[in-house]
C-alpha cells in the first residue's frame, strides 16, 4: 500500500508519510486537527492536505463531517478521521492485530460496516461544545438515525441519543456493541447493522 500510494502521490519523504500514517491510525475515530498533525509529523499543512486527499481517493481513510443544524452550538469545523479497514488501522498503529477489541478499532469497524451498507456520504457524527457526542449520524434523505458504537452493551447510556432524537426528530437511536447481550430492538451486534 505504501509503495503504491508513494508512486501515485509523488511522495518524496516516505519516512514522514509513514509517520503520518501511524499517527492517523492511532487517531481513527477522533477529531482531525491538521495543525497538530503537522507539528507532530513535521509535514507542512498544505502537504498534509494533499496526503489526506490522496488517502481518501485511494479508499484508505475518510474525513467524516459533523452533522449540524446549529453551528453556534455544535462544533462544525473539524472532521473526524476514519480508516476504512480496521485491520489495516491495527497493523499501522500497533504493528499487529490486538488480542482484545480496542474501542477505536471497534468504532472504525462499525464505520466500515455503515459505509458498506449506506455509502460514505451518508455518515456524519454529532458533537456539541458542551461535550455531548454521538459516534455516527446516518442521514438518508430527511431521515436521521443516531448510532453509538460501544465495545460492551453495558457501556450504553441513553441520555445523549434521546436528546439528539428529541432535538432533531430522528429515528430512535441504535447502539452497536460486540460484548454482552442486546437489551432491545435498538441494540445490535455489528453484523446486524
Protein backbone atom coordinates (compact mmCIF):
# COMPACT_ATOMS: atom_id res chain seq x y z
CA UNK A 1 0.00 0.00 0.00
CA UNK A 2 2.72 2.48 0.96
CA UNK A 3 4.62 1.84 -2.29
CA UNK A 4 1.51 2.27 -4.44
CA UNK A 5 0.49 5.47 -2.69
CA UNK A 6 4.07 6.79 -2.74
CA UNK A 7 4.18 6.33 -6.51
CA UNK A 8 0.68 7.77 -7.08
CA UNK A 9 1.22 10.79 -4.85
CA UNK A 10 4.80 11.53 -5.84
CA UNK A 11 5.80 11.37 -2.17
CA UNK A 12 9.44 12.29 -1.71
CA UNK A 13 9.88 11.75 2.05
CA UNK A 14 8.38 8.32 2.65
CA UNK A 15 9.50 8.22 6.32
CA UNK A 16 7.41 11.31 7.13
CA UNK A 17 4.49 9.85 5.18
CA UNK A 18 4.80 6.58 7.14
CA UNK A 19 4.95 8.54 10.38
CA UNK A 20 1.76 10.37 9.39
CA UNK A 21 0.01 7.04 8.64
CA UNK A 22 0.99 5.69 12.06
CA UNK A 23 -0.32 8.80 13.84
CA UNK A 24 -3.55 8.80 11.83
CA UNK A 25 -4.14 5.11 12.52
CA UNK A 26 -3.92 5.78 16.27
CA UNK A 27 -6.42 8.63 15.88
CA UNK A 28 -9.07 6.83 13.81
CA UNK A 29 -12.45 7.89 15.17
CA UNK A 30 -11.12 11.15 16.63
CA UNK A 31 -11.34 14.76 15.55
CA UNK A 32 -8.72 15.68 12.98
CA UNK A 33 -6.52 18.63 13.90
CA UNK A 34 -4.30 19.32 10.89
CA UNK A 35 -2.16 21.91 12.71
CA UNK A 36 -1.39 19.45 15.50
CA UNK A 37 -0.72 16.66 13.00
CA UNK A 38 1.65 18.96 11.07
CA UNK A 39 3.63 19.69 14.25
CA UNK A 40 3.75 16.02 15.25
CA UNK A 41 4.91 14.77 11.85
CA UNK A 42 6.97 17.78 10.66
CA UNK A 43 4.90 17.89 7.46
CA UNK A 44 3.55 21.23 6.22
CA UNK A 45 -0.21 21.74 6.36
CA UNK A 46 -0.57 22.08 2.55
CA UNK A 47 1.32 18.79 2.11
CA UNK A 48 -0.84 17.12 4.78
CA UNK A 49 -3.98 18.22 2.95
CA UNK A 50 -2.55 16.72 -0.25
CA UNK A 51 -1.74 13.44 1.57
CA UNK A 52 -5.17 13.28 3.20
CA UNK A 53 -6.88 13.79 -0.16
CA UNK A 54 -4.72 11.06 -1.67
CA UNK A 55 -5.61 8.66 1.17
CA UNK A 56 -9.31 9.41 0.66
CA UNK A 57 -9.10 8.95 -3.11
CA UNK A 58 -7.42 5.56 -2.63
CA UNK A 59 -10.07 4.45 -0.08
CA UNK A 60 -7.64 4.17 2.84
CA UNK A 61 -9.42 6.66 5.06
CA UNK A 62 -12.27 9.15 5.11
CA UNK A 63 -12.80 12.52 6.74
CA UNK A 64 -16.27 12.37 8.28
CA UNK A 65 -18.09 15.68 8.58
CA UNK A 66 -20.12 16.76 11.59
CA UNK A 67 -23.90 16.86 11.42
CA UNK A 68 -25.18 20.25 12.46
CA UNK A 69 -28.19 22.49 12.10
CA UNK A 70 -26.85 24.95 14.67
CA UNK A 71 -23.17 25.80 14.15
CA UNK A 72 -23.23 28.31 17.02
CA UNK A 73 -23.97 25.47 19.44
CA UNK A 74 -22.28 22.49 17.81
CA UNK A 75 -18.70 22.05 16.73
CA UNK A 76 -18.90 22.16 12.98
CA UNK A 77 -15.37 22.72 11.70
CA UNK A 78 -13.13 19.73 12.38
CA UNK A 79 -13.97 16.42 10.73
CA UNK A 80 -13.29 13.05 12.30
CA UNK A 81 -10.86 10.73 10.54
CA UNK A 82 -11.70 7.06 9.98
CA UNK A 83 -9.78 4.30 8.30
CA UNK A 84 -11.98 2.19 6.04
CA UNK A 85 -10.27 -1.03 7.14
CA UNK A 86 -9.86 -1.70 10.86
CA UNK A 87 -7.30 -4.45 10.15
CA UNK A 88 -5.10 -2.02 8.25
CA UNK A 89 -5.58 0.51 11.04
CA UNK A 90 -4.43 -2.03 13.65
CA UNK A 91 -1.38 -3.05 11.64
CA UNK A 92 -0.28 0.54 11.02
CA UNK A 93 -0.92 1.60 14.62
CA UNK A 94 0.11 -1.46 16.63
CA UNK A 95 2.17 -3.46 14.13
CA UNK A 96 -0.07 -6.47 14.79
CA UNK A 97 -3.67 -7.47 15.41
CA UNK A 98 -4.65 -6.85 19.07
CA UNK A 99 -5.73 -9.79 21.19
CA UNK A 100 -8.64 -7.77 22.62
CA UNK A 101 -11.02 -5.40 20.91
CA UNK A 102 -9.93 -1.80 21.40
CA UNK A 103 -12.58 0.93 21.38
CA UNK A 104 -11.31 2.97 18.44
CA UNK A 105 -10.65 -0.12 16.33
CA UNK A 106 -14.19 -1.32 17.05
CA UNK A 107 -15.59 2.11 16.17
CA UNK A 108 -13.61 2.02 12.91
CA UNK A 109 -15.08 -1.40 12.18
CA UNK A 110 -18.63 -0.12 12.78
CA UNK A 111 -17.90 2.84 10.48
CA UNK A 112 -16.72 0.43 7.76
CA UNK A 113 -19.92 -1.62 8.08
CA UNK A 114 -22.06 1.52 7.82
CA UNK A 115 -20.13 2.59 4.70
CA UNK A 116 -20.72 -0.82 3.09
CA UNK A 117 -24.47 -0.56 3.62
CA UNK A 118 -25.18 3.17 3.23
CA UNK A 119 -22.20 4.84 1.49
CA UNK A 120 -19.56 7.22 2.79
CA UNK A 121 -21.52 10.42 2.23
CA UNK A 122 -24.47 9.29 4.41
CA UNK A 123 -22.46 9.11 7.62
CA UNK A 124 -21.69 12.02 9.94
CA UNK A 125 -21.05 12.48 13.64
CA UNK A 126 -22.53 14.88 16.20
CA UNK A 127 -20.68 16.79 18.87
CA UNK A 128 -21.60 19.86 20.88
CA UNK A 129 -19.37 22.43 22.54
CA UNK A 130 -20.61 21.12 25.89
CA UNK A 131 -19.11 17.70 25.10
CA UNK A 132 -22.15 15.69 24.07
CA UNK A 133 -21.23 13.34 21.26
CA UNK A 134 -22.79 10.65 19.12
CA UNK A 135 -20.43 8.44 17.13
CA UNK A 136 -22.45 8.34 13.92
CA UNK A 137 -25.44 10.09 12.42
CA UNK A 138 -26.83 8.14 9.49
CA UNK A 139 -28.54 10.57 7.12
CA UNK A 140 -30.82 9.08 4.47
CA UNK A 141 -32.93 11.75 2.77
CA UNK A 142 -34.76 13.55 5.55
CA UNK A 143 -34.34 10.61 7.92
CA UNK A 144 -31.69 10.68 10.67
CA UNK A 145 -30.55 7.77 12.84
CA UNK A 146 -28.09 8.35 15.70
CA UNK A 147 -25.74 5.40 16.26
CA UNK A 148 -23.38 4.73 19.16
CA UNK A 149 -20.54 2.18 18.95
CA UNK A 150 -19.53 0.61 22.27
CA UNK A 151 -17.40 -2.47 22.85
CA UNK A 152 -19.91 -3.63 25.51
CA UNK A 153 -23.68 -3.16 25.62
CA UNK A 154 -23.32 -2.26 29.32
CA UNK A 155 -21.42 0.94 28.40
CA UNK A 156 -24.50 2.44 26.76
CA UNK A 157 -26.29 5.43 28.27
CA UNK A 158 -29.47 6.57 26.52
CA UNK A 159 -29.36 10.26 27.54
CA UNK A 160 -27.40 11.68 24.58
CA UNK A 161 -29.22 9.54 22.00
CA UNK A 162 -32.56 10.61 23.48
CA UNK A 163 -31.56 14.29 23.47
CA UNK A 164 -30.48 14.09 19.83
CA UNK A 165 -33.69 12.26 18.84
CA UNK A 166 -35.81 14.88 20.60
CA UNK A 167 -33.89 17.86 19.16
CA UNK A 168 -33.80 16.61 15.55
CA UNK A 169 -36.93 14.40 15.48
CA UNK A 170 -34.76 11.49 14.38
CA UNK A 171 -35.46 7.80 14.34
CA UNK A 172 -34.72 6.03 17.64
CA UNK A 173 -31.01 5.69 18.38
CA UNK A 174 -29.10 2.46 17.84
CA UNK A 175 -26.30 1.05 19.96
CA UNK A 176 -23.87 -1.33 18.27
CA UNK A 177 -21.66 -3.47 20.51
CA UNK A 178 -19.79 -6.76 20.48
CA UNK A 179 -19.75 -7.88 24.13
CA UNK A 180 -22.74 -8.57 26.33
CA UNK A 181 -26.34 -9.11 25.40
CA UNK A 182 -28.57 -6.78 23.37
CA UNK A 183 -31.30 -5.38 25.59
CA UNK A 184 -33.80 -4.11 22.99
CA UNK A 185 -34.53 -3.93 19.29
CA UNK A 186 -32.29 -0.84 19.17
CA UNK A 187 -29.20 -2.67 20.40
CA UNK A 188 -27.39 -4.60 17.68
CA UNK A 189 -24.27 -6.60 17.00
CA UNK A 190 -22.13 -5.18 14.14
CA UNK A 191 -23.24 -7.86 11.68
CA UNK A 192 -26.89 -6.86 12.27
CA UNK A 193 -26.45 -3.27 11.04
